């Protein structure tokens, strides 16, 4: 199935961190990266004072069960130095499952579609780069969700390229 993953980093060399995360995801048996968004510099989301993030979204073909994909994502994050000390705090890399085909899932460990997807312009704007043009997203157009997110000014195209 086709899925979409959000990647973010604001500790260390963010470009290197995101590139390494994308390469490790693509190397997983059962996962193939199809497309990558441009990179975006974004204001931090949430109450923690921290540096700006470098964000992107990748489109993947995934044959893994969602729980297996999540476990692999956590392993990759840990391999790249991610620690979970402060909720919404700084991180070397953060990988979120946004969508996996038409799958809906709501467990204590994983919610698909991602429960904050439609509120976060730092995810919606890069998603626009790789999401099929004109295809509805959860009942609305992607541009409608972006406008409704109310924080588009916090998202800027980066000059960095991966």
Protein backbone atom coordinates (compact mmCIF):
# COMPACT_ATOMS: atom_id res chain seq x y z
CA UNK A 1 0.00 0.00 0.00
CA UNK A 2 1.06 3.60 -0.51
CA UNK A 3 1.89 5.49 2.66
CA UNK A 4 3.18 8.86 3.75
CA UNK A 5 5.74 9.45 6.48
CA UNK A 6 6.73 12.79 8.02
CA UNK A 7 10.37 13.36 8.94
CA UNK A 8 11.71 16.14 11.16
CA UNK A 9 14.96 17.09 12.86
CA UNK A 10 16.31 20.02 14.89
CA UNK A 11 19.37 18.62 16.68
CA UNK A 12 22.77 18.25 15.03
CA UNK A 13 23.06 18.13 11.25
CA UNK A 14 19.36 17.98 10.38
CA UNK A 15 19.95 17.43 6.67
CA UNK A 16 22.25 14.50 7.43
CA UNK A 17 19.75 13.10 9.95
CA UNK A 18 16.80 13.25 7.53
CA UNK A 19 18.85 11.82 4.68
CA UNK A 20 20.02 8.92 6.86
CA UNK A 21 16.43 8.27 8.03
CA UNK A 22 15.15 8.20 4.45
CA UNK A 23 17.97 5.85 3.38
CA UNK A 24 17.33 3.48 6.31
CA UNK A 25 13.60 3.43 5.59
CA UNK A 26 14.28 2.66 1.93
CA UNK A 27 16.63 -0.17 2.96
CA UNK A 28 13.91 -1.91 5.00
CA UNK A 29 12.58 -5.15 3.56
CA UNK A 30 8.99 -4.34 2.60
CA UNK A 31 9.45 -0.56 2.28
CA UNK A 32 10.41 1.43 -0.79
CA UNK A 33 10.68 5.23 -0.90
CA UNK A 34 8.85 6.45 -3.99
CA UNK A 35 9.00 10.24 -3.70
CA UNK A 36 10.39 12.86 -1.35
CA UNK A 37 9.10 16.36 -0.72
CA UNK A 38 11.30 19.40 -0.73
CA UNK A 39 12.82 20.32 2.61
CA UNK A 40 11.10 22.93 4.76
CA UNK A 41 12.33 24.96 7.70
CA UNK A 42 9.64 25.26 10.31
CA UNK A 43 9.01 26.89 13.65
CA UNK A 44 8.81 24.39 16.51
CA UNK A 45 5.33 23.08 17.31
CA UNK A 46 4.17 22.96 20.91
CA UNK A 47 5.15 24.66 24.16
CA UNK A 48 8.87 23.78 24.32
CA UNK A 49 11.35 26.54 23.37
CA UNK A 50 13.80 25.04 20.86
CA UNK A 51 15.51 25.52 17.50
CA UNK A 52 13.62 25.46 14.20
CA UNK A 53 13.06 22.13 12.49
CA UNK A 54 13.94 20.80 9.08
CA UNK A 55 10.90 18.84 7.85
CA UNK A 56 9.92 16.69 4.88
CA UNK A 57 7.39 14.07 3.85
CA UNK A 58 8.14 10.91 1.90
CA UNK A 59 5.79 8.71 -0.07
CA UNK A 60 6.48 5.01 0.42
CA UNK A 61 5.27 1.70 -0.84
CA UNK A 62 4.86 -0.44 2.28
CA UNK A 63 4.14 -4.14 2.65
CA UNK A 64 4.75 -4.20 6.42
CA UNK A 65 2.03 -4.40 9.03
CA UNK A 66 1.61 -0.98 10.70
CA UNK A 67 2.91 -2.19 14.07
CA UNK A 68 6.00 -3.67 12.41
CA UNK A 69 6.61 -0.42 10.51
CA UNK A 70 6.28 1.54 13.76
CA UNK A 71 8.79 -0.74 15.49
CA UNK A 72 11.25 -0.28 12.60
CA UNK A 73 10.72 3.50 12.74
CA UNK A 74 11.51 3.52 16.46
CA UNK A 75 14.64 1.45 15.80
CA UNK A 76 15.79 3.88 13.08
CA UNK A 77 15.10 6.88 15.33
CA UNK A 78 17.14 5.27 18.13
CA UNK A 79 19.96 4.38 15.71
CA UNK A 80 20.10 8.06 14.74
CA UNK A 81 20.32 9.22 18.36
CA UNK A 82 16.68 9.98 19.17
CA UNK A 83 15.82 10.03 22.83
CA UNK A 84 12.33 10.55 24.24
CA UNK A 85 12.89 12.83 27.22
CA UNK A 86 10.67 15.86 26.57
CA UNK A 87 7.26 15.57 24.87
CA UNK A 88 7.34 17.79 21.75
CA UNK A 89 10.97 18.53 22.57
CA UNK A 90 14.06 18.74 20.36
CA UNK A 91 15.12 15.61 18.51
CA UNK A 92 17.76 14.31 16.14
CA UNK A 93 15.04 12.71 14.04
CA UNK A 94 11.30 12.18 14.29
CA UNK A 95 9.43 9.90 11.89
CA UNK A 96 5.63 9.82 11.96
CA UNK A 97 3.28 7.57 10.01
CA UNK A 98 0.73 9.94 8.47
CA UNK A 99 -1.25 7.63 6.20
CA UNK A 100 -1.08 4.01 5.04
CA UNK A 101 -3.42 3.55 2.11
CA UNK A 102 -7.03 3.63 3.28
CA UNK A 103 -6.13 2.05 6.62
CA UNK A 104 -7.64 3.42 9.81
CA UNK A 105 -6.21 2.29 13.11
CA UNK A 106 -6.59 3.57 16.65
CA UNK A 107 -4.60 1.76 19.32
CA UNK A 108 -2.70 3.08 22.34
CA UNK A 109 0.53 2.76 20.32
CA UNK A 110 -0.56 3.98 16.88
CA UNK A 111 -3.27 6.06 15.24
CA UNK A 112 -3.61 6.10 11.44
CA UNK A 113 -4.33 8.57 9.92
CA UNK A 114 -2.07 10.50 12.29
CA UNK A 115 -4.34 12.26 14.78
CA UNK A 116 -2.65 15.66 14.33
CA UNK A 117 -2.24 15.45 10.54
CA UNK A 118 -4.82 18.08 9.59
CA UNK A 119 -3.64 20.60 12.20
CA UNK A 120 0.04 20.75 11.31
CA UNK A 121 1.09 22.90 8.38
CA UNK A 122 4.68 21.67 8.84
CA UNK A 123 3.35 18.29 7.69
CA UNK A 124 0.61 19.39 5.28
CA UNK A 125 2.81 21.72 3.21
CA UNK A 126 5.49 19.11 2.45
CA UNK A 127 2.78 16.46 1.98
CA UNK A 128 1.47 18.61 -0.86
CA UNK A 129 4.74 17.94 -2.75
CA UNK A 130 4.16 14.16 -2.86
CA UNK A 131 0.40 13.62 -2.44
CA UNK A 132 -1.62 12.97 -5.62
CA UNK A 133 -2.89 16.29 -6.97
CA UNK A 134 -6.63 16.70 -6.63
CA UNK A 135 -7.08 13.59 -4.47
CA UNK A 136 -9.11 14.34 -1.32
CA UNK A 137 -7.44 13.98 2.04
CA UNK A 138 -9.85 12.88 4.76
CA UNK A 139 -12.83 14.40 2.99
CA UNK A 140 -11.30 17.74 2.00
CA UNK A 141 -8.71 19.03 -0.41
CA UNK A 142 -5.17 19.32 0.88
CA UNK A 143 -5.25 23.08 0.18
CA UNK A 144 -8.35 23.39 2.41
CA UNK A 145 -6.55 21.59 5.26
CA UNK A 146 -3.49 23.81 4.79
CA UNK A 147 -5.61 26.97 4.93
CA UNK A 148 -7.46 25.69 8.02
CA UNK A 149 -4.23 24.81 9.86
CA UNK A 150 -3.69 28.49 10.53
CA UNK A 151 0.08 28.31 10.89
CA UNK A 152 1.41 28.32 7.33
CA UNK A 153 3.71 31.26 8.06
CA UNK A 154 5.71 28.88 10.27
CA UNK A 155 6.72 26.83 7.18
CA UNK A 156 9.41 28.06 4.79
CA UNK A 157 11.02 26.28 1.82
CA UNK A 158 14.60 25.46 2.70
CA UNK A 159 17.54 26.15 0.42
CA UNK A 160 18.89 22.75 1.50
CA UNK A 161 18.45 19.93 -0.99
CA UNK A 162 18.56 16.20 -0.37
